[in-house]
Amino acid sequence: MIISPANRTLSVKEYYFSRKNKEIAALNARRAAEGLDPVINLGIGSPDGAPSAQAVKALQDCAARPNAHGYQSYVGTPELREAMARWYGRWYGVTLDPASEIQPLMGSKEGILLLSLAFLNAGDKVLVPNPGYPTYTSATLMCEAELLTYDLVEADGWYPDFDALEQMDLTGVKLMWVNYPNMPTGAPARRDVFEKLVSFARRHKILLVNDNPYSFILNEPQSILSVPGAKEVCLEMNSLSKSHNMAGWRVGMIVGAADVIAELLKVKSQMDSGMFRGIQEAAVAALEADASWYQALNAEYHRRRHLACSIMDLIGAKYDPAAGGLYVWGRVPEEAQALSDRILYGAGVFLTPGFVFGSNGAHHLRISLCASVPTLERALAKIGEYLSR
């Protein structure tokens, strides 16, 4: 390399699933040479279903218009922001000003880094859950801020221990990441927990961000912004990836107080030139879906969760069969990373080891529901055959 990488890159590694997908691709090449089926990947939560027919039609219609292919506004079309505001009003009971309190994103993952860049200086502190989404940690470290983890443990239902939080040295803490409904544990959103979080953030003058992409998947939709006064101290990120089968389309949003959204726009407007108009129009159509869309989506995920729980039973895991979201999360009787690798190389099925999400996940495995019922049935049979040997 002719020059040295930036120091900030020394604090992070290539994303785990990026590295693991390379390993699985190499394994699949060997399996093909041996006449074996490819690995069944129950790792990442990338929905395998299609968006609504209305969303696809809106994209097609827009793409056929010759004047639809130029740069778009950094803040999205008025129609998209209005659709997002209606969606929040209808499903969460939250009123948002579409002109100033909503910033469309190219997926909510983008928002994690943009928000960190907008508000963190070197040495600032950030409260990050353990276990939690790895990008909260990597974005913090790349901004040269200080990571301050707070524990989520099974005994507390994977909710914060507020007594423990109050006893921490919170000097210099600017941001706190929360994620309910929770990934990877599946713990549902709870009104009383949201109220305690808002109160905690207000007392300690911390900007609290709830990452909320799973609220429609085997959950009852809730928003932290429905707590009175939450908008004064909270932001919420949301996404169409899981709720509308649009993960690859990259459509998300961050919502909250206008002055905070304006600061984030300063960074975002330097980083991209707007979302393709056809995707924005498709997102408008997707957000207008009625209750039957979500009911059909969840009926399928219920069937899949039953099979994922059967896999957990087979490997002797302890789990909550009523947990929501796109995954089943279970404590296993041996070191989870070793068990994951044994099942991968022995049965040809990949289950995510929980250490990826923090030390409190080291004895857990996560199974994604983003695979068809026949695929999950094959995975169950393969693991059963392998363990019986």
Protein backbone atom coordinates (compact mmCIF):
# COMPACT_ATOMS: atom_id res chain seq x y z
CA MET A 1 0.00 0.00 0.00
CA ILE A 2 1.50 3.33 -1.07
CA ILE A 3 0.04 5.26 1.91
CA SER A 4 -1.13 4.34 5.40
CA PRO A 5 -4.84 3.98 6.16
CA ALA A 6 -6.50 6.56 8.39
CA ASN A 7 -6.06 5.87 12.08
CA ARG A 8 -9.83 5.51 12.47
CA THR A 9 -9.73 2.30 10.42
CA LEU A 10 -7.49 0.67 13.03
CA SER A 11 -10.43 0.60 15.44
CA VAL A 12 -12.73 -1.46 13.19
CA LYS A 13 -12.65 -4.61 11.11
CA GLU A 14 -14.52 -5.57 7.98
CA TYR A 15 -18.15 -6.20 8.90
CA TYR A 16 -18.59 -9.74 10.25
CA PHE A 17 -21.22 -10.79 7.72
CA SER A 18 -19.08 -9.50 4.86
CA ARG A 19 -16.20 -11.71 6.04
CA LYS A 20 -18.46 -14.68 6.76
CA ASN A 21 -20.14 -14.48 3.35
CA LYS A 22 -16.70 -14.78 1.72
CA GLU A 23 -15.99 -17.86 3.85
CA ILE A 24 -19.33 -19.39 2.90
CA ALA A 25 -18.72 -18.64 -0.80
CA ALA A 26 -15.38 -20.50 -0.62
CA LEU A 27 -17.05 -23.38 1.22
CA ASN A 28 -19.79 -23.53 -1.43
CA ALA A 29 -17.16 -23.84 -4.15
CA ARG A 30 -15.66 -26.85 -2.36
CA ARG A 31 -19.09 -28.34 -1.71
CA ALA A 32 -19.99 -27.98 -5.40
CA ALA A 33 -16.80 -29.80 -6.39
CA GLU A 34 -17.83 -32.61 -4.02
CA GLY A 35 -21.37 -32.76 -5.40
CA LEU A 36 -22.93 -31.31 -2.24
CA ASP A 37 -25.74 -28.78 -1.92
CA PRO A 38 -24.78 -25.19 -1.12
CA VAL A 39 -24.81 -23.96 2.45
CA ILE A 40 -28.20 -22.96 3.84
CA ASN A 41 -27.52 -19.47 5.17
CA LEU A 42 -29.73 -18.59 8.14
CA GLY A 43 -27.47 -15.70 9.11
CA ILE A 44 -28.31 -12.20 7.98
CA GLY A 45 -31.86 -10.82 8.07
CA SER A 46 -32.45 -10.06 4.40
CA PRO A 47 -36.14 -10.67 3.61
CA ASP A 48 -36.67 -13.10 0.74
CA GLY A 49 -40.19 -11.94 -0.14
CA ALA A 50 -41.21 -9.34 -2.73
CA PRO A 51 -42.43 -5.80 -2.04
CA SER A 52 -46.08 -5.05 -2.71
CA ALA A 53 -47.26 -5.11 -6.31
CA GLN A 54 -48.16 -1.42 -5.96
CA ALA A 55 -44.59 -0.54 -4.98
CA VAL A 56 -43.10 -2.45 -7.90
CA LYS A 57 -45.59 -0.85 -10.33
CA ALA A 58 -44.73 2.64 -9.03
CA LEU A 59 -41.03 1.98 -9.65
CA GLN A 60 -41.68 0.67 -13.15
CA ASP A 61 -43.91 3.60 -14.08
CA CYS A 62 -41.41 6.14 -12.82
CA ALA A 63 -38.43 4.45 -14.50
CA ALA A 64 -40.25 4.70 -17.84
CA ARG A 65 -40.49 8.49 -17.58
CA PRO A 66 -37.57 10.21 -19.34
CA ASN A 67 -37.50 13.10 -16.86
CA ALA A 68 -37.17 10.94 -13.73
CA HIS A 69 -33.46 10.12 -13.84
CA GLY A 70 -31.75 13.29 -12.67
CA TYR A 71 -30.45 14.26 -9.27
CA GLN A 72 -33.06 14.42 -6.55
CA SER A 73 -33.50 16.57 -3.48
CA TYR A 74 -31.31 15.80 -0.48
CA VAL A 75 -34.41 15.81 1.70
CA GLY A 76 -36.51 13.55 -0.52
CA THR A 77 -39.68 14.46 -2.38
CA PRO A 78 -42.50 16.17 -0.47
CA GLU A 79 -44.69 13.19 -1.36
CA LEU A 80 -42.28 10.76 0.32
CA ARG A 81 -41.97 12.82 3.51
CA GLU A 82 -45.74 13.22 3.64
CA ALA A 83 -46.23 9.47 3.21
CA MET A 84 -43.75 8.83 6.03
CA ALA A 85 -45.62 11.30 8.25
CA ARG A 86 -48.97 9.63 7.50
CA TRP A 87 -47.44 6.21 8.25
CA TYR A 88 -46.17 7.40 11.62
CA GLY A 89 -49.53 8.96 12.42
CA ARG A 90 -51.56 5.92 11.39
CA TRP A 91 -49.51 3.16 12.99
CA TYR A 92 -47.62 4.82 15.84
CA GLY A 93 -49.93 7.69 16.79
CA VAL A 94 -47.05 10.14 16.33
CA THR A 95 -47.50 13.51 14.62
CA LEU A 96 -44.54 14.67 12.53
CA ASP A 97 -44.01 17.78 10.41
CA PRO A 98 -43.07 16.35 6.99
CA ALA A 99 -41.25 19.57 6.09
CA SER A 100 -38.81 19.60 8.99
CA GLU A 101 -39.01 16.51 11.24
CA ILE A 102 -38.35 13.71 8.72
CA GLN A 103 -35.14 12.95 6.83
CA PRO A 104 -35.35 10.08 4.32
CA LEU A 105 -32.27 7.86 4.32
CA MET A 106 -30.73 5.29 2.02
CA GLY A 107 -31.47 2.66 4.64
CA SER A 108 -31.35 3.32 8.36
CA LYS A 109 -27.81 1.93 8.57
CA GLU A 110 -26.68 5.10 6.78
CA GLY A 111 -28.32 7.13 9.52
CA ILE A 112 -26.16 5.58 12.25
CA LEU A 113 -22.96 6.89 10.68
CA LEU A 114 -24.44 10.23 9.57
CA LEU A 115 -25.77 10.93 13.05
CA SER A 116 -22.44 9.99 14.61
CA LEU A 117 -20.56 12.27 12.20
CA ALA A 118 -22.99 15.11 12.89
CA PHE A 119 -22.74 15.05 16.69
CA LEU A 120 -19.62 13.25 17.91
CA ASN A 121 -16.21 14.77 18.51
CA ALA A 122 -13.11 12.81 19.42
CA GLY A 123 -13.39 11.82 23.08
CA ASP A 124 -17.17 12.15 23.36
CA LYS A 125 -18.87 9.15 24.94
CA VAL A 126 -21.64 6.99 23.50
CA LEU A 127 -23.83 4.47 25.34
CA VAL A 128 -24.12 1.29 23.26
CA PRO A 129 -26.04 -1.87 24.23
CA ASN A 130 -24.32 -5.23 24.77
CA PRO A 131 -25.58 -7.23 22.90
CA GLY A 132 -26.45 -4.84 20.11
CA TYR A 133 -26.19 -4.05 16.43
CA PRO A 134 -22.43 -3.93 15.61
CA THR A 135 -22.74 -0.73 13.55
CA TYR A 136 -23.47 1.32 16.70
CA THR A 137 -19.99 0.36 17.89
CA SER A 138 -18.16 0.77 14.59
CA ALA A 139 -19.69 4.19 13.84
CA THR A 140 -18.71 5.38 17.32
CA LEU A 141 -15.14 4.18 16.94
CA MET A 142 -14.72 5.60 13.44
CA CYS A 143 -15.70 9.01 14.84
CA GLU A 144 -12.94 8.55 17.47
CA ALA A 145 -15.53 8.73 20.24
CA GLU A 146 -15.40 6.60 23.38
CA LEU A 147 -17.53 3.49 23.66
CA LEU A 148 -19.45 3.05 26.91
CA THR A 149 -21.35 -0.24 26.83
CA TYR A 150 -24.36 -0.99 28.98
CA ASP A 151 -25.46 -4.54 29.66
CA LEU A 152 -28.60 -6.23 28.45
CA VAL A 153 -29.02 -9.61 30.13
CA GLU A 154 -31.50 -12.44 29.86
CA ALA A 155 -32.47 -12.22 33.54
CA ASP A 156 -33.80 -8.70 32.93
CA GLY A 157 -35.61 -9.64 29.73
CA TRP A 158 -32.89 -7.92 27.68
CA TYR A 159 -33.97 -4.48 28.93
CA PRO A 160 -31.62 -1.86 30.43
CA ASP A 161 -30.86 -1.99 34.15
CA PHE A 162 -31.65 1.63 35.01
CA ASP A 163 -30.07 1.40 38.46
CA ALA A 164 -26.82 0.28 36.84
CA LEU A 165 -27.07 3.06 34.25
CA GLU A 166 -27.47 5.69 36.97
CA GLN A 167 -24.36 4.41 38.72
CA MET A 168 -22.17 4.76 35.62
CA ASP A 169 -19.93 7.76 35.09
CA LEU A 170 -21.95 9.56 32.44
CA THR A 171 -19.62 12.54 32.13
CA GLY A 172 -19.22 13.41 28.47
CA VAL A 173 -21.97 11.08 27.19
CA LYS A 174 -23.71 12.66 24.17
CA LEU A 175 -25.52 9.77 22.45
CA MET A 176 -27.30 6.63 23.58
CA TRP A 177 -28.38 3.89 21.18
CA VAL A 178 -31.39 1.73 21.98
CA ASN A 179 -33.17 -0.78 19.78
CA TYR A 180 -36.70 -1.93 20.63
CA PRO A 181 -38.07 -4.21 19.38
CA ASN A 182 -34.61 -5.59 20.01
CA MET A 183 -32.14 -7.22 17.68
CA PRO A 184 -30.71 -9.80 18.25
CA THR A 185 -32.74 -10.88 21.28
CA GLY A 186 -36.29 -10.30 20.03
CA ALA A 187 -37.34 -8.45 23.23
CA PRO A 188 -40.44 -6.41 22.35
CA ALA A 189 -40.88 -2.67 22.77
CA ARG A 190 -42.49 -1.74 26.08
CA ARG A 191 -44.14 1.57 26.94
CA ASP A 192 -42.80 1.59 30.50
CA VAL A 193 -39.24 1.03 29.26
CA PHE A 194 -39.60 3.83 26.70
CA GLU A 195 -40.84 6.18 29.43
CA LYS A 196 -37.85 5.35 31.64
CA LEU A 197 -35.45 5.85 28.74
CA VAL A 198 -36.91 9.25 27.90
CA SER A 199 -36.69 10.32 31.54
CA PHE A 200 -33.08 9.08 31.77
CA ALA A 201 -32.06 10.95 28.62
CA ARG A 202 -33.71 14.18 29.77
CA ARG A 203 -32.07 14.12 33.22
CA HIS A 204 -28.62 13.49 31.80
CA LYS A 205 -28.97 15.65 28.67
CA ILE A 206 -28.26 12.76 26.30
CA LEU A 207 -29.55 12.44 22.74
CA LEU A 208 -31.35 9.08 22.72
CA VAL A 209 -31.83 7.25 19.42
CA ASN A 210 -34.23 4.31 19.08
CA ASP A 211 -33.49 2.09 16.08
CA ASN A 212 -36.91 0.72 15.16
CA PRO A 213 -36.91 -1.43 11.98
CA TYR A 214 -38.60 -4.51 13.50
CA SER A 215 -41.79 -3.04 14.92
CA PHE A 216 -44.07 -4.65 12.30
CA ILE A 217 -42.46 -8.12 12.32
CA LEU A 218 -44.21 -10.33 14.90
CA ASN A 219 -44.65 -7.22 17.05
CA GLU A 220 -47.23 -4.56 17.81
CA PRO A 221 -45.98 -1.25 16.31
CA GLN A 222 -44.71 1.18 18.93
CA SER A 223 -42.58 4.32 18.74
CA ILE A 224 -40.55 5.94 21.50
CA LEU A 225 -41.76 9.29 20.12
CA SER A 226 -45.27 8.47 21.36
CA VAL A 227 -44.02 9.20 24.91
CA PRO A 228 -44.96 12.80 25.81
CA GLY A 229 -41.96 15.09 25.48
CA ALA A 230 -39.81 12.43 23.82
CA LYS A 231 -39.14 14.57 20.77
CA GLU A 232 -37.17 16.97 22.98
CA VAL A 233 -34.49 14.33 23.67
CA CYS A 234 -35.09 11.49 21.20
CA LEU A 235 -34.73 10.55 17.57
CA GLU A 236 -36.06 7.42 15.93
CA MET A 237 -34.77 5.57 12.91
CA ASN A 238 -37.02 3.36 10.84
CA SER A 239 -36.82 1.41 7.62
CA LEU A 240 -38.84 -0.27 4.89
CA SER A 241 -36.28 -3.07 4.66
CA LYS A 242 -37.99 -5.56 6.97
CA SER A 243 -41.56 -4.27 7.13
CA HIS A 244 -42.02 -4.00 3.35
CA ASN A 245 -39.51 -6.53 1.92
CA MET A 246 -37.40 -3.71 0.49
CA ALA A 247 -33.96 -4.35 2.05
CA GLY A 248 -32.07 -3.96 -1.23
CA TRP A 249 -33.96 -0.81 -2.18
CA ARG A 250 -32.33 1.10 0.71
CA VAL A 251 -35.17 3.23 2.04
CA GLY A 252 -35.17 4.41 5.62
CA MET A 253 -35.87 7.50 7.67
CA ILE A 254 -34.80 9.36 10.78
CA VAL A 255 -37.44 11.39 12.56
CA GLY A 256 -37.43 13.85 15.43
CA ALA A 257 -36.95 17.50 16.33
CA ALA A 258 -36.35 19.85 13.41
CA ASP A 259 -33.12 21.36 14.78
CA VAL A 260 -31.50 17.94 15.16
CA ILE A 261 -32.66 16.80 11.71
CA ALA A 262 -31.16 19.99 10.24
CA GLU A 263 -27.75 19.15 11.72
CA LEU A 264 -27.85 15.66 10.23
CA LEU A 265 -28.73 17.13 6.82
CA LYS A 266 -25.52 19.18 6.90
CA VAL A 267 -23.58 15.91 6.77
CA LYS A 268 -25.90 13.94 4.50
CA SER A 269 -25.98 16.67 1.85
CA GLN A 270 -22.21 16.33 1.53
CA MET A 271 -22.35 12.54 1.11
CA ASP A 272 -24.90 11.78 -1.63
CA SER A 273 -27.05 13.41 -4.28
CA GLY A 274 -30.47 12.10 -3.38
CA MET A 275 -32.39 8.86 -3.74
CA PHE A 276 -33.59 7.74 -7.22
CA ARG A 277 -37.07 9.14 -7.72
CA GLY A 278 -38.51 5.77 -8.74
CA ILE A 279 -37.53 4.28 -5.41
CA GLN A 280 -39.08 7.22 -3.60
CA GLU A 281 -42.36 6.78 -5.47
CA ALA A 282 -42.27 3.05 -4.77
CA ALA A 283 -41.75 3.79 -1.07
CA VAL A 284 -44.81 6.07 -1.08
CA ALA A 285 -46.88 3.20 -2.50
CA ALA A 286 -45.43 0.72 -0.01
CA LEU A 287 -46.19 2.94 2.96
CA GLU A 288 -49.85 3.14 1.96
CA ALA A 289 -50.29 -0.61 2.54
CA ASP A 290 -53.25 -1.53 4.72
CA ALA A 291 -53.35 -3.94 7.65
CA SER A 292 -53.75 -6.96 5.35
CA TRP A 293 -50.16 -6.51 4.06
CA TYR A 294 -48.68 -6.79 7.55
CA GLN A 295 -51.04 -9.63 8.50
CA ALA A 296 -49.94 -11.73 5.51
CA LEU A 297 -46.28 -10.95 6.21
CA ASN A 298 -46.59 -12.04 9.83
CA ALA A 299 -48.57 -15.18 9.02
CA GLU A 300 -45.59 -16.35 6.97
CA TYR A 301 -43.10 -15.41 9.68
CA HIS A 302 -45.17 -17.30 12.26
CA ARG A 303 -44.78 -20.48 10.19
CA ARG A 304 -41.06 -19.89 9.84
CA ARG A 305 -40.57 -19.14 13.52
CA HIS A 306 -42.10 -22.51 14.41
CA LEU A 307 -39.39 -24.28 12.37
CA ALA A 308 -36.61 -22.06 13.69
CA CYS A 309 -37.72 -22.96 17.21
CA SER A 310 -37.56 -26.62 16.22
CA ILE A 311 -33.92 -26.11 15.21
CA MET A 312 -33.25 -24.49 18.58
CA ASP A 313 -34.88 -27.48 20.29
CA LEU A 314 -32.69 -29.84 18.28
CA ILE A 315 -29.45 -28.17 19.38
CA GLY A 316 -30.60 -27.93 23.00
CA ALA A 317 -30.99 -24.15 23.10
CA LYS A 318 -33.03 -22.13 25.57
CA TYR A 319 -35.12 -19.43 23.88
CA ASP A 320 -38.28 -17.36 24.10
CA PRO A 321 -40.82 -18.77 21.61
CA ALA A 322 -42.87 -15.56 21.80
CA ALA A 323 -40.04 -13.16 20.93
CA GLY A 324 -40.63 -10.93 17.92
CA GLY A 325 -38.62 -9.70 14.99
CA LEU A 326 -36.88 -11.57 12.19
CA TYR A 327 -34.87 -13.95 14.37
CA VAL A 328 -34.96 -16.58 17.06
CA TRP A 329 -32.26 -16.07 19.70
CA GLY A 330 -31.22 -18.94 21.93
CA ARG A 331 -28.71 -19.76 24.65
CA VAL A 332 -26.77 -22.91 23.71
CA PRO A 333 -25.11 -25.42 26.05
CA GLU A 334 -21.61 -24.90 24.61
CA GLU A 335 -19.48 -22.07 23.22
CA ALA A 336 -21.64 -20.64 20.46
CA GLN A 337 -18.96 -19.77 17.89
CA ALA A 338 -17.57 -23.31 17.98
CA LEU A 339 -21.06 -24.79 17.66
CA SER A 340 -21.86 -22.47 14.76
CA ASP A 341 -18.73 -23.58 12.90
CA ARG A 342 -19.40 -27.26 13.61
CA ILE A 343 -22.90 -26.97 12.18
CA LEU A 344 -21.65 -24.94 9.21
CA TYR A 345 -18.95 -27.41 8.19
CA GLY A 346 -20.73 -30.55 9.38
CA ALA A 347 -24.32 -29.91 8.30
CA GLY A 348 -23.93 -27.15 5.71
CA VAL A 349 -26.13 -24.72 7.64
CA PHE A 350 -25.00 -21.35 8.95
CA LEU A 351 -26.40 -20.00 12.23
CA THR A 352 -25.05 -16.68 13.51
CA PRO A 353 -22.96 -16.89 16.70
CA GLY A 354 -24.01 -14.27 19.21
CA PHE A 355 -20.52 -12.95 20.00
CA VAL A 356 -20.95 -10.79 16.88
CA PHE A 357 -23.34 -8.60 18.89
CA GLY A 358 -21.18 -8.30 22.02
CA SER A 359 -19.81 -10.34 24.88
CA ASN A 360 -23.27 -10.87 26.40
CA GLY A 361 -24.17 -12.85 23.27
CA ALA A 362 -21.20 -15.22 23.41
CA HIS A 363 -23.30 -18.20 24.50
CA HIS A 364 -26.16 -17.61 22.06
CA LEU A 365 -27.00 -18.41 18.45
CA ARG A 366 -29.34 -16.44 16.19
CA ILE A 367 -31.49 -17.99 13.45
CA SER A 368 -32.87 -15.74 10.73
CA LEU A 369 -36.45 -16.20 9.55
CA CYS A 370 -35.51 -14.90 6.09
CA ALA A 371 -35.70 -18.34 4.48
CA SER A 372 -38.70 -20.20 3.11
CA VAL A 373 -40.52 -22.92 5.02
CA PRO A 374 -39.05 -25.66 2.73
CA THR A 375 -35.55 -24.22 3.26
CA LEU A 376 -35.98 -24.21 7.03
CA GLU A 377 -37.31 -27.77 6.86
CA ARG A 378 -34.17 -28.82 4.95
CA ALA A 379 -31.98 -27.03 7.49
CA LEU A 380 -33.74 -28.85 10.33
CA ALA A 381 -33.24 -32.20 8.60
CA LYS A 382 -29.56 -31.52 7.82
CA ILE A 383 -28.74 -30.48 11.37
CA GLY A 384 -30.64 -33.46 12.75
CA GLU A 385 -28.75 -35.85 10.50
CA TYR A 386 -25.40 -34.26 11.42
CA LEU A 387 -26.05 -34.37 15.17
CA SER A 388 -27.21 -37.97 14.98
CA ARG A 389 -23.82 -38.90 13.51
